[in-house]
Amino acid sequence: MALLDQDGSDAADLAVRRFKLGLQIGSIRSQAKSALLHFPNHVEKKYNWPIPAWVWQARTGQLVLEEDRYLIVFDDYAPPREVRSGPFFGVWKIELIHLKIHKAEMATHLEIDLMAPKPKVMNSSNAIRTCKTWLEGEFRKDPNQLLKKSDFQKGALSHFAGKLNPKGFRDAWRMAIASDPARAKGGRRPGT
């Protein structure tokens, strides 16, 4: 909901109005973790209540994003048809607490991309060759072969962050150990 925070800017105000419109026309599904339906003689509490579009359409409703709640008091002069008959007959106030919104529908309605794709790490042959050279230098710093392959992988992935992924490291590793027969040999390291 940070995108829709009411910070006084025109863009935030427009986003909130578009958000409310999406709820009113039913293009964004919503649910209240807790809903209090006030009838003249009692209060009904509903959990995980799917909020019908007519609730959002009421003229007197107030959406308070900072408190994650919606409050509606129906006026006596023009109550919605739903509170004049049926299961909601007589409801004069509804409190919705902890609103849950279908994010994909919200993103579609507001025309935003909430699930921005993460940048993909590509293995270029240049990055793999550079990593191979880096590994050979690291091998020279570890003549007793105390470091494990996983130690080298952690170091390489942090050193080449954004340029090399684990598969690229494995390719560079195979090329680097080809010139170091002691490291190419499997099994336990000497001295362990």
N, C-alpha and C. Protein backbone atom coordinates (compact mmCIF):
# COMPACT_ATOMS: atom_id res chain seq x y z
N MET A 1 0.81 -1.20 0.00
CA MET A 1 0.00 0.00 0.00
C MET A 1 0.85 1.26 0.00
N ALA A 2 2.16 1.14 0.10
CA ALA A 2 3.02 2.32 0.14
C ALA A 2 2.83 3.18 -1.10
N LEU A 3 2.52 2.53 -2.22
CA LEU A 3 2.32 3.27 -3.45
C LEU A 3 1.14 4.22 -3.33
N LEU A 4 0.14 3.85 -2.52
CA LEU A 4 -1.08 4.62 -2.43
C LEU A 4 -1.14 5.51 -1.20
N ASP A 5 -0.06 5.67 -0.49
CA ASP A 5 -0.07 6.51 0.70
C ASP A 5 -0.50 7.92 0.34
N GLN A 6 -1.27 8.49 1.23
CA GLN A 6 -1.77 9.83 0.98
C GLN A 6 -0.74 10.84 1.49
N ASP A 7 0.14 11.30 0.61
CA ASP A 7 1.17 12.24 1.02
C ASP A 7 0.87 13.66 0.57
N GLY A 8 -0.36 13.88 0.09
CA GLY A 8 -0.75 15.21 -0.32
C GLY A 8 -0.41 15.54 -1.76
N SER A 9 0.32 14.73 -2.44
CA SER A 9 0.68 15.03 -3.82
C SER A 9 -0.48 14.67 -4.74
N ASP A 10 -0.53 15.32 -5.88
CA ASP A 10 -1.58 15.06 -6.85
C ASP A 10 -1.53 13.63 -7.37
N ALA A 11 -0.32 13.11 -7.57
CA ALA A 11 -0.17 11.74 -8.08
C ALA A 11 -0.71 10.73 -7.08
N ALA A 12 -0.44 10.94 -5.79
CA ALA A 12 -0.94 10.02 -4.76
C ALA A 12 -2.46 10.12 -4.67
N ASP A 13 -3.00 11.33 -4.76
CA ASP A 13 -4.44 11.54 -4.70
C ASP A 13 -5.13 10.85 -5.88
N LEU A 14 -4.55 10.98 -7.06
CA LEU A 14 -5.09 10.33 -8.25
C LEU A 14 -5.05 8.81 -8.10
N ALA A 15 -3.96 8.29 -7.58
CA ALA A 15 -3.83 6.84 -7.38
C ALA A 15 -4.88 6.34 -6.41
N VAL A 16 -5.13 7.08 -5.32
CA VAL A 16 -6.13 6.67 -4.34
C VAL A 16 -7.52 6.69 -4.97
N ARG A 17 -7.82 7.74 -5.76
CA ARG A 17 -9.13 7.80 -6.42
C ARG A 17 -9.31 6.65 -7.42
N ARG A 18 -8.26 6.34 -8.17
CA ARG A 18 -8.35 5.22 -9.13
C ARG A 18 -8.49 3.90 -8.39
N PHE A 19 -7.82 3.78 -7.26
CA PHE A 19 -7.89 2.59 -6.44
C PHE A 19 -9.34 2.40 -5.94
N LYS A 20 -9.94 3.47 -5.41
CA LYS A 20 -11.32 3.40 -4.93
C LYS A 20 -12.28 3.05 -6.06
N LEU A 21 -12.06 3.63 -7.23
CA LEU A 21 -12.91 3.33 -8.38
C LEU A 21 -12.83 1.85 -8.74
N GLY A 22 -11.63 1.29 -8.72
CA GLY A 22 -11.46 -0.14 -9.00
C GLY A 22 -12.22 -1.01 -8.02
N LEU A 23 -12.26 -0.60 -6.75
CA LEU A 23 -13.01 -1.34 -5.74
C LEU A 23 -14.51 -1.18 -5.99
N GLN A 24 -14.94 0.02 -6.34
CA GLN A 24 -16.37 0.31 -6.55
C GLN A 24 -16.94 -0.44 -7.74
N ILE A 25 -16.19 -0.58 -8.80
CA ILE A 25 -16.72 -1.26 -9.98
C ILE A 25 -16.45 -2.76 -9.96
N GLY A 26 -15.74 -3.21 -8.93
CA GLY A 26 -15.49 -4.64 -8.78
C GLY A 26 -14.32 -5.18 -9.58
N SER A 27 -13.49 -4.31 -10.14
CA SER A 27 -12.35 -4.81 -10.90
C SER A 27 -11.17 -5.16 -9.99
N ILE A 28 -11.23 -4.75 -8.73
CA ILE A 28 -10.22 -5.14 -7.74
C ILE A 28 -10.95 -5.85 -6.61
N ARG A 29 -10.66 -7.13 -6.43
CA ARG A 29 -11.28 -7.87 -5.32
C ARG A 29 -10.64 -7.45 -4.01
N SER A 30 -11.45 -7.43 -2.96
CA SER A 30 -10.93 -7.06 -1.65
C SER A 30 -11.57 -7.93 -0.59
N GLN A 31 -10.92 -7.95 0.55
CA GLN A 31 -11.37 -8.78 1.66
C GLN A 31 -10.98 -8.06 2.94
N ALA A 32 -11.80 -8.20 3.97
CA ALA A 32 -11.48 -7.61 5.28
C ALA A 32 -11.15 -8.74 6.22
N LYS A 33 -10.03 -8.61 6.91
CA LYS A 33 -9.67 -9.64 7.89
C LYS A 33 -10.76 -9.69 8.97
N SER A 34 -11.24 -8.49 9.35
CA SER A 34 -12.35 -8.40 10.30
C SER A 34 -13.36 -7.39 9.76
N ALA A 35 -14.62 -7.74 9.83
CA ALA A 35 -15.69 -6.83 9.43
C ALA A 35 -16.72 -6.79 10.55
N LEU A 36 -17.07 -5.59 10.96
CA LEU A 36 -18.11 -5.40 11.97
C LEU A 36 -19.33 -4.82 11.28
N LEU A 37 -20.43 -5.57 11.29
CA LEU A 37 -21.68 -5.13 10.69
C LEU A 37 -22.62 -4.73 11.82
N HIS A 38 -22.92 -3.45 11.92
CA HIS A 38 -23.74 -2.93 13.01
C HIS A 38 -25.21 -2.91 12.58
N PHE A 39 -26.01 -3.75 13.24
CA PHE A 39 -27.45 -3.77 13.06
C PHE A 39 -28.07 -2.99 14.22
N PRO A 40 -29.34 -2.65 14.14
CA PRO A 40 -29.93 -1.87 15.24
C PRO A 40 -29.82 -2.53 16.62
N ASN A 41 -29.91 -3.86 16.68
CA ASN A 41 -29.92 -4.53 17.99
C ASN A 41 -28.68 -5.35 18.29
N HIS A 42 -27.77 -5.50 17.33
CA HIS A 42 -26.59 -6.33 17.56
C HIS A 42 -25.49 -5.99 16.55
N VAL A 43 -24.31 -6.56 16.81
CA VAL A 43 -23.17 -6.37 15.92
C VAL A 43 -22.71 -7.76 15.49
N GLU A 44 -22.58 -7.95 14.19
CA GLU A 44 -22.06 -9.21 13.66
C GLU A 44 -20.60 -9.01 13.29
N LYS A 45 -19.77 -9.96 13.71
CA LYS A 45 -18.36 -9.90 13.35
C LYS A 45 -18.10 -11.00 12.34
N LYS A 46 -17.51 -10.63 11.21
CA LYS A 46 -17.18 -11.60 10.17
C LYS A 46 -15.67 -11.58 9.95
N TYR A 47 -15.10 -12.75 9.74
CA TYR A 47 -13.66 -12.86 9.52
C TYR A 47 -13.41 -13.21 8.05
N ASN A 48 -12.35 -12.62 7.49
CA ASN A 48 -11.98 -12.85 6.09
C ASN A 48 -13.20 -12.70 5.18
N TRP A 49 -13.87 -11.57 5.35
CA TRP A 49 -15.10 -11.28 4.62
C TRP A 49 -14.79 -10.67 3.26
N PRO A 50 -15.23 -11.34 2.17
CA PRO A 50 -15.06 -10.73 0.84
C PRO A 50 -15.96 -9.51 0.75
N ILE A 51 -15.39 -8.37 0.49
CA ILE A 51 -16.15 -7.11 0.53
C ILE A 51 -16.89 -6.94 -0.80
N PRO A 52 -18.22 -6.87 -0.75
CA PRO A 52 -18.96 -6.67 -1.99
C PRO A 52 -18.77 -5.26 -2.53
N ALA A 53 -18.89 -5.11 -3.84
CA ALA A 53 -18.66 -3.81 -4.48
C ALA A 53 -19.61 -2.74 -3.96
N TRP A 54 -20.85 -3.11 -3.59
CA TRP A 54 -21.82 -2.10 -3.13
C TRP A 54 -21.35 -1.40 -1.86
N VAL A 55 -20.53 -2.08 -1.05
CA VAL A 55 -20.01 -1.44 0.16
C VAL A 55 -19.10 -0.27 -0.22
N TRP A 56 -18.28 -0.48 -1.25
CA TRP A 56 -17.36 0.59 -1.69
C TRP A 56 -18.10 1.72 -2.39
N GLN A 57 -19.31 1.45 -2.89
CA GLN A 57 -20.06 2.46 -3.65
C GLN A 57 -20.79 3.46 -2.77
N ALA A 58 -20.90 3.19 -1.49
CA ALA A 58 -21.63 4.09 -0.59
C ALA A 58 -20.98 5.47 -0.55
N ARG A 59 -21.82 6.50 -0.59
CA ARG A 59 -21.31 7.88 -0.63
C ARG A 59 -20.61 8.28 0.66
N THR A 60 -21.00 7.67 1.77
CA THR A 60 -20.47 8.10 3.07
C THR A 60 -19.28 7.29 3.55
N GLY A 61 -18.74 6.44 2.71
CA GLY A 61 -17.61 5.61 3.12
C GLY A 61 -16.31 6.40 3.20
N GLN A 62 -15.48 6.04 4.18
CA GLN A 62 -14.18 6.69 4.35
C GLN A 62 -13.09 5.62 4.39
N LEU A 63 -12.18 5.70 3.42
CA LEU A 63 -11.04 4.79 3.35
C LEU A 63 -9.87 5.48 4.03
N VAL A 64 -9.34 4.85 5.08
CA VAL A 64 -8.21 5.41 5.82
C VAL A 64 -7.03 4.45 5.62
N LEU A 65 -6.19 4.75 4.63
CA LEU A 65 -5.10 3.84 4.29
C LEU A 65 -4.07 3.73 5.41
N GLU A 66 -3.81 4.84 6.11
CA GLU A 66 -2.80 4.81 7.18
C GLU A 66 -3.18 3.82 8.27
N GLU A 67 -4.49 3.66 8.52
CA GLU A 67 -4.96 2.75 9.56
C GLU A 67 -5.44 1.42 8.99
N ASP A 68 -5.37 1.28 7.67
CA ASP A 68 -5.77 0.05 6.99
C ASP A 68 -7.20 -0.33 7.35
N ARG A 69 -8.11 0.66 7.21
CA ARG A 69 -9.50 0.38 7.53
C ARG A 69 -10.43 1.22 6.66
N TYR A 70 -11.68 0.79 6.64
CA TYR A 70 -12.72 1.48 5.88
C TYR A 70 -13.94 1.56 6.78
N LEU A 71 -14.53 2.74 6.88
CA LEU A 71 -15.69 2.96 7.74
C LEU A 71 -16.81 3.54 6.89
N ILE A 72 -17.99 2.99 7.07
CA ILE A 72 -19.14 3.49 6.32
C ILE A 72 -20.33 3.55 7.27
N VAL A 73 -20.96 4.71 7.30
CA VAL A 73 -22.20 4.90 8.05
C VAL A 73 -23.25 5.26 7.00
N PHE A 74 -24.28 4.43 6.89
CA PHE A 74 -25.30 4.66 5.87
C PHE A 74 -26.23 5.76 6.31
N ASP A 75 -26.49 6.69 5.40
CA ASP A 75 -27.44 7.75 5.75
C ASP A 75 -28.87 7.23 5.58
N ASP A 76 -29.79 7.80 6.35
CA ASP A 76 -31.18 7.33 6.35
C ASP A 76 -31.92 7.70 5.08
N TYR A 77 -31.46 8.71 4.36
CA TYR A 77 -32.20 9.22 3.22
C TYR A 77 -31.97 8.42 1.93
N ALA A 78 -30.77 7.86 1.78
CA ALA A 78 -30.49 7.12 0.55
C ALA A 78 -29.60 5.91 0.83
N PRO A 79 -30.10 4.96 1.64
CA PRO A 79 -29.28 3.78 1.89
C PRO A 79 -29.23 2.89 0.66
N PRO A 80 -28.17 2.12 0.49
CA PRO A 80 -28.11 1.22 -0.66
C PRO A 80 -29.24 0.19 -0.60
N ARG A 81 -29.61 -0.30 -1.74
CA ARG A 81 -30.69 -1.29 -1.85
C ARG A 81 -30.39 -2.50 -0.95
N GLU A 82 -29.12 -2.89 -0.85
CA GLU A 82 -28.73 -4.09 -0.09
C GLU A 82 -29.06 -3.99 1.39
N VAL A 83 -29.08 -2.78 1.97
CA VAL A 83 -29.39 -2.65 3.40
C VAL A 83 -30.88 -2.42 3.63
N ARG A 84 -31.66 -2.38 2.55
CA ARG A 84 -33.12 -2.23 2.69
C ARG A 84 -33.81 -3.58 2.64
N SER A 85 -33.06 -4.63 2.23
CA SER A 85 -33.65 -5.98 2.17
C SER A 85 -32.53 -7.01 2.19
N GLY A 86 -32.89 -8.25 2.34
CA GLY A 86 -31.92 -9.34 2.29
C GLY A 86 -31.12 -9.48 3.57
N PRO A 87 -29.97 -10.17 3.49
CA PRO A 87 -29.20 -10.46 4.71
C PRO A 87 -28.60 -9.22 5.39
N PHE A 88 -28.51 -8.12 4.67
CA PHE A 88 -27.93 -6.91 5.26
C PHE A 88 -29.00 -5.91 5.70
N PHE A 89 -30.27 -6.36 5.75
CA PHE A 89 -31.36 -5.47 6.11
C PHE A 89 -31.12 -4.86 7.49
N GLY A 90 -31.16 -3.55 7.55
CA GLY A 90 -31.03 -2.85 8.82
C GLY A 90 -29.61 -2.44 9.18
N VAL A 91 -28.62 -2.85 8.41
CA VAL A 91 -27.24 -2.45 8.73
C VAL A 91 -27.14 -0.94 8.64
N TRP A 92 -26.61 -0.32 9.68
CA TRP A 92 -26.46 1.15 9.63
C TRP A 92 -25.00 1.59 9.60
N LYS A 93 -24.11 0.65 9.95
CA LYS A 93 -22.68 0.98 9.93
C LYS A 93 -21.88 -0.28 9.67
N ILE A 94 -20.81 -0.13 8.87
CA ILE A 94 -19.89 -1.24 8.61
C ILE A 94 -18.47 -0.73 8.85
N GLU A 95 -17.71 -1.51 9.61
CA GLU A 95 -16.29 -1.21 9.84
C GLU A 95 -15.48 -2.37 9.27
N LEU A 96 -14.55 -2.05 8.39
CA LEU A 96 -13.68 -3.07 7.80
C LEU A 96 -12.27 -2.81 8.29
N ILE A 97 -11.66 -3.83 8.86
CA ILE A 97 -10.33 -3.68 9.46
C ILE A 97 -9.38 -4.65 8.80
N HIS A 98 -8.17 -4.20 8.54
CA HIS A 98 -7.11 -4.97 7.89
C HIS A 98 -7.57 -5.44 6.52
N LEU A 99 -7.54 -4.52 5.59
CA LEU A 99 -8.00 -4.79 4.24
C LEU A 99 -6.97 -5.60 3.47
N LYS A 100 -7.45 -6.56 2.72
CA LYS A 100 -6.59 -7.36 1.85
C LYS A 100 -7.04 -7.10 0.42
N ILE A 101 -6.08 -6.81 -0.43
CA ILE A 101 -6.38 -6.46 -1.81
C ILE A 101 -5.71 -7.48 -2.73
N HIS A 102 -6.38 -7.84 -3.81
CA HIS A 102 -5.79 -8.72 -4.81
C HIS A 102 -4.78 -7.89 -5.60
N LYS A 103 -3.50 -8.10 -5.34
CA LYS A 103 -2.45 -7.24 -5.89
C LYS A 103 -2.38 -7.23 -7.41
N ALA A 104 -2.56 -8.38 -8.02
CA ALA A 104 -2.46 -8.43 -9.49
C ALA A 104 -3.57 -7.62 -10.13
N GLU A 105 -4.78 -7.68 -9.56
CA GLU A 105 -5.89 -6.89 -10.09
C GLU A 105 -5.64 -5.40 -9.86
N MET A 106 -5.09 -5.06 -8.71
CA MET A 106 -4.78 -3.66 -8.42
C MET A 106 -3.75 -3.14 -9.43
N ALA A 107 -2.73 -3.92 -9.68
CA ALA A 107 -1.69 -3.50 -10.62
C ALA A 107 -2.26 -3.32 -12.02
N THR A 108 -3.14 -4.22 -12.43
CA THR A 108 -3.75 -4.11 -13.74
C THR A 108 -4.63 -2.87 -13.82
N HIS A 109 -5.43 -2.64 -12.78
CA HIS A 109 -6.34 -1.50 -12.79
C HIS A 109 -5.58 -0.17 -12.76
N LEU A 110 -4.52 -0.11 -11.96
CA LEU A 110 -3.76 1.14 -11.84
C LEU A 110 -2.70 1.27 -12.94
N GLU A 111 -2.59 0.21 -13.76
CA GLU A 111 -1.62 0.19 -14.86
C GLU A 111 -0.19 0.39 -14.35
N ILE A 112 0.15 -0.38 -13.33
CA ILE A 112 1.52 -0.34 -12.79
C ILE A 112 2.06 -1.76 -12.78
N ASP A 113 3.35 -1.87 -12.66
CA ASP A 113 4.01 -3.18 -12.62
C ASP A 113 4.57 -3.39 -11.23
N LEU A 114 3.79 -4.10 -10.38
CA LEU A 114 4.24 -4.37 -9.02
C LEU A 114 5.30 -5.47 -9.00
N MET A 115 5.25 -6.34 -9.97
CA MET A 115 6.18 -7.46 -10.00
C MET A 115 7.26 -7.18 -11.05
N ALA A 116 7.98 -6.11 -10.88
CA ALA A 116 9.02 -5.76 -11.86
C ALA A 116 10.02 -6.90 -11.96
N PRO A 117 10.36 -7.29 -13.17
CA PRO A 117 11.29 -8.41 -13.31
C PRO A 117 12.66 -8.06 -12.73
N LYS A 118 13.23 -9.05 -12.06
CA LYS A 118 14.57 -8.85 -11.50
C LYS A 118 15.58 -8.91 -12.63
N PRO A 119 16.60 -8.10 -12.54
CA PRO A 119 17.61 -8.16 -13.60
C PRO A 119 18.25 -9.53 -13.62
N LYS A 120 18.35 -10.09 -14.79
CA LYS A 120 18.90 -11.43 -14.93
C LYS A 120 20.42 -11.33 -15.07
N VAL A 121 21.11 -12.16 -14.32
CA VAL A 121 22.57 -12.19 -14.40
C VAL A 121 22.95 -13.05 -15.59
N MET A 122 23.63 -12.46 -16.50
CA MET A 122 24.04 -13.18 -17.71
C MET A 122 25.51 -13.55 -17.60
N ASN A 123 25.82 -14.73 -18.03
CA ASN A 123 27.21 -15.19 -18.08
C ASN A 123 27.76 -14.90 -19.46
N SER A 124 28.61 -13.93 -19.53
CA SER A 124 29.28 -13.71 -20.81
C SER A 124 30.57 -14.52 -20.81
N SER A 125 31.04 -14.85 -21.98
CA SER A 125 32.28 -15.63 -22.04
C SER A 125 33.42 -14.81 -21.43
N ASN A 126 33.34 -13.48 -21.55
CA ASN A 126 34.36 -12.63 -20.96
C ASN A 126 34.33 -12.73 -19.43
N ALA A 127 33.12 -12.75 -18.82
CA ALA A 127 33.01 -12.86 -17.36
C ALA A 127 33.55 -14.20 -16.88
N ILE A 128 33.29 -15.26 -17.64
CA ILE A 128 33.76 -16.59 -17.26
C ILE A 128 35.29 -16.65 -17.35
N ARG A 129 35.85 -16.09 -18.42
CA ARG A 129 37.32 -16.07 -18.55
C ARG A 129 37.96 -15.23 -17.44
N THR A 130 37.36 -14.09 -17.13
CA THR A 130 37.89 -13.24 -16.06
C THR A 130 37.82 -13.96 -14.72
N CYS A 131 36.73 -14.69 -14.50
CA CYS A 131 36.59 -15.46 -13.26
C CYS A 131 37.64 -16.58 -13.20
N LYS A 132 37.90 -17.22 -14.34
CA LYS A 132 38.93 -18.27 -14.39
C LYS A 132 40.28 -17.69 -13.97
N THR A 133 40.62 -16.52 -14.51
CA THR A 133 41.90 -15.88 -14.16
C THR A 133 41.91 -15.51 -12.68
N TRP A 134 40.79 -15.02 -12.19
CA TRP A 134 40.68 -14.67 -10.76
C TRP A 134 40.87 -15.92 -9.90
N LEU A 135 40.25 -17.03 -10.31
CA LEU A 135 40.38 -18.29 -9.56
C LEU A 135 41.84 -18.76 -9.53
N GLU A 136 42.52 -18.66 -10.66
CA GLU A 136 43.93 -19.08 -10.69
C GLU A 136 44.76 -18.24 -9.73
N GLY A 137 44.47 -16.96 -9.64
CA GLY A 137 45.16 -16.10 -8.66
C GLY A 137 44.83 -16.51 -7.24
N GLU A 138 43.58 -16.86 -6.99
CA GLU A 138 43.16 -17.30 -5.65
C GLU A 138 43.81 -18.64 -5.30
N PHE A 139 43.96 -19.51 -6.30
CA PHE A 139 44.64 -20.79 -6.06
C PHE A 139 46.08 -20.55 -5.59
N ARG A 140 46.75 -19.56 -6.21
CA ARG A 140 48.13 -19.26 -5.81
C ARG A 140 48.18 -18.74 -4.37
N LYS A 141 47.14 -18.06 -3.92
CA LYS A 141 47.09 -17.55 -2.54
C LYS A 141 46.79 -18.66 -1.54
N ASP A 142 46.33 -19.81 -2.01
CA ASP A 142 45.96 -20.94 -1.16
C ASP A 142 46.73 -22.18 -1.59
N PRO A 143 48.09 -22.17 -1.43
CA PRO A 143 48.89 -23.29 -1.92
C PRO A 143 48.62 -24.59 -1.15
N ASN A 144 48.18 -24.49 0.09
CA ASN A 144 47.92 -25.70 0.89
C ASN A 144 46.51 -26.26 0.67
N GLN A 145 45.77 -25.64 -0.22
CA GLN A 145 44.43 -26.08 -0.58
C GLN A 145 43.50 -26.22 0.62
N LEU A 146 43.50 -25.19 1.47
CA LEU A 146 42.65 -25.21 2.65
C LEU A 146 41.22 -24.75 2.35
N LEU A 147 41.06 -23.96 1.31
CA LEU A 147 39.73 -23.47 0.96
C LEU A 147 38.99 -24.49 0.11
N LYS A 148 37.67 -24.58 0.33
CA LYS A 148 36.83 -25.49 -0.45
C LYS A 148 36.30 -24.78 -1.69
N LYS A 149 35.75 -25.56 -2.58
CA LYS A 149 35.15 -25.01 -3.80
C LYS A 149 34.04 -24.02 -3.43
N SER A 150 33.25 -24.35 -2.40
CA SER A 150 32.15 -23.46 -2.00
C SER A 150 32.69 -22.11 -1.51
N ASP A 151 33.87 -22.11 -0.87
CA ASP A 151 34.48 -20.84 -0.43
C ASP A 151 34.85 -19.99 -1.64
N PHE A 152 35.42 -20.64 -2.65
CA PHE A 152 35.78 -19.91 -3.87
C PHE A 152 34.52 -19.39 -4.58
N GLN A 153 33.46 -20.22 -4.56
CA GLN A 153 32.23 -19.81 -5.24
C GLN A 153 31.62 -18.58 -4.56
N LYS A 154 31.58 -18.57 -3.23
CA LYS A 154 31.05 -17.40 -2.52
C LYS A 154 31.85 -16.15 -2.88
N GLY A 155 33.17 -16.29 -2.86
CA GLY A 155 34.03 -15.15 -3.18
C GLY A 155 33.84 -14.68 -4.61
N ALA A 156 33.73 -15.62 -5.54
CA ALA A 156 33.59 -15.25 -6.96
C ALA A 156 32.25 -14.59 -7.22
N LEU A 157 31.18 -15.13 -6.64
CA LEU A 157 29.86 -14.55 -6.89
C LEU A 157 29.74 -13.16 -6.28
N SER A 158 30.44 -12.91 -5.17
CA SER A 158 30.40 -11.55 -4.63
C SER A 158 31.33 -10.63 -5.41
N HIS A 159 32.48 -11.15 -5.84
CA HIS A 159 33.44 -10.34 -6.62
C HIS A 159 32.88 -9.97 -7.99
N PHE A 160 32.16 -10.89 -8.60
CA PHE A 160 31.60 -10.66 -9.93
C PHE A 160 30.08 -10.50 -9.87
N ALA A 161 29.58 -9.86 -8.83
CA ALA A 161 28.13 -9.68 -8.64
C ALA A 161 27.52 -9.00 -9.86
N GLY A 162 26.43 -9.59 -10.35
CA GLY A 162 25.74 -9.03 -11.50
C GLY A 162 26.32 -9.45 -12.84
N LYS A 163 27.48 -10.09 -12.82
CA LYS A 163 28.11 -10.49 -14.07
C LYS A 163 28.20 -12.00 -14.21
N LEU A 164 28.09 -12.70 -13.08
CA LEU A 164 28.33 -14.14 -13.08
C LEU A 164 27.32 -14.81 -12.18
N ASN A 165 26.72 -15.89 -12.64
CA ASN A 165 25.83 -16.67 -11.78
C ASN A 165 26.50 -18.00 -11.44
N PRO A 166 25.88 -18.85 -10.61
CA PRO A 166 26.54 -20.11 -10.21
C PRO A 166 26.94 -21.01 -11.39
N LYS A 167 26.14 -21.05 -12.44
CA LYS A 167 26.52 -21.88 -13.59
C LYS A 167 27.78 -21.33 -14.24
N GLY A 168 27.89 -20.02 -14.37
CA GLY A 168 29.09 -19.41 -14.93
C GLY A 168 30.31 -19.70 -14.07
N PHE A 169 30.10 -19.70 -12.73
CA PHE A 169 31.21 -20.05 -11.83
C PHE A 169 31.67 -21.48 -12.08
N ARG A 170 30.71 -22.40 -12.21
CA ARG A 170 31.10 -23.80 -12.44
C ARG A 170 31.89 -23.95 -13.73
N ASP A 171 31.50 -23.22 -14.78
CA ASP A 171 32.26 -23.26 -16.04
C ASP A 171 33.68 -22.73 -15.83
N ALA A 172 33.80 -21.61 -15.11
CA ALA A 172 35.12 -21.02 -14.84
C ALA A 172 35.94 -21.97 -13.97
N TRP A 173 35.30 -22.63 -13.01
CA TRP A 173 35.99 -23.57 -12.12
C TRP A 173 36.60 -24.71 -12.94
N ARG A 174 35.79 -25.30 -13.84
CA ARG A 174 36.29 -26.41 -14.66
C ARG A 174 37.52 -25.98 -15.48
N MET A 175 37.48 -24.79 -16.04
CA MET A 175 38.61 -24.31 -16.83
C MET A 175 39.83 -24.05 -15.94
N ALA A 176 39.60 -23.53 -14.72
CA ALA A 176 40.72 -23.18 -13.83
C ALA A 176 41.40 -24.43 -13.28
N ILE A 177 40.62 -25.45 -12.92
CA ILE A 177 41.26 -26.65 -12.34
C ILE A 177 41.92 -27.51 -13.41
N ALA A 178 41.60 -27.26 -14.67
CA ALA A 178 42.25 -28.03 -15.75
C ALA A 178 43.76 -27.80 -15.74
N SER A 179 44.19 -26.60 -15.32
CA SER A 179 45.62 -26.31 -15.29
C SER A 179 46.23 -26.55 -13.90
N ASP A 180 45.44 -27.06 -12.96
CA ASP A 180 45.92 -27.33 -11.60
C ASP A 180 45.53 -28.76 -11.23
N PRO A 181 46.39 -29.75 -11.58
CA PRO A 181 46.02 -31.16 -11.39
C PRO A 181 45.70 -31.52 -9.94
N ALA A 182 46.35 -30.87 -8.96
CA ALA A 182 46.10 -31.21 -7.56
C ALA A 182 44.67 -30.83 -7.17
N ARG A 183 44.19 -29.69 -7.67
CA ARG A 183 42.83 -29.26 -7.34
C ARG A 183 41.79 -30.04 -8.13
N ALA A 184 42.18 -30.52 -9.30
CA ALA A 184 41.24 -31.26 -10.13
C ALA A 184 40.94 -32.63 -9.52
N LYS A 185 41.84 -33.11 -8.68
CA LYS A 185 41.66 -34.43 -8.08
C LYS A 185 40.54 -34.35 -7.03
N GLY A 186 39.61 -35.29 -7.08
CA GLY A 186 38.50 -35.30 -6.12
C GLY A 186 38.95 -35.85 -4.79
N GLY A 187 38.03 -35.87 -3.83
CA GLY A 187 38.30 -36.45 -2.53
C GLY A 187 38.69 -35.40 -1.50
N ARG A 188 39.21 -35.92 -0.36
CA ARG A 188 39.59 -35.01 0.72
C ARG A 188 40.82 -34.21 0.36
N ARG A 189 40.87 -33.01 0.91
CA ARG A 189 42.03 -32.16 0.69
C ARG A 189 43.19 -32.65 1.55
N PRO A 190 44.43 -32.44 1.10
CA PRO A 190 45.57 -32.88 1.89
C PRO A 190 45.57 -32.15 3.24
N GLY A 191 45.93 -32.86 4.28
CA GLY A 191 46.06 -32.27 5.61
C GLY A 191 44.74 -32.18 6.36
N THR A 192 43.69 -32.83 5.85
CA THR A 192 42.41 -32.78 6.59
C THR A 192 42.00 -34.15 7.04
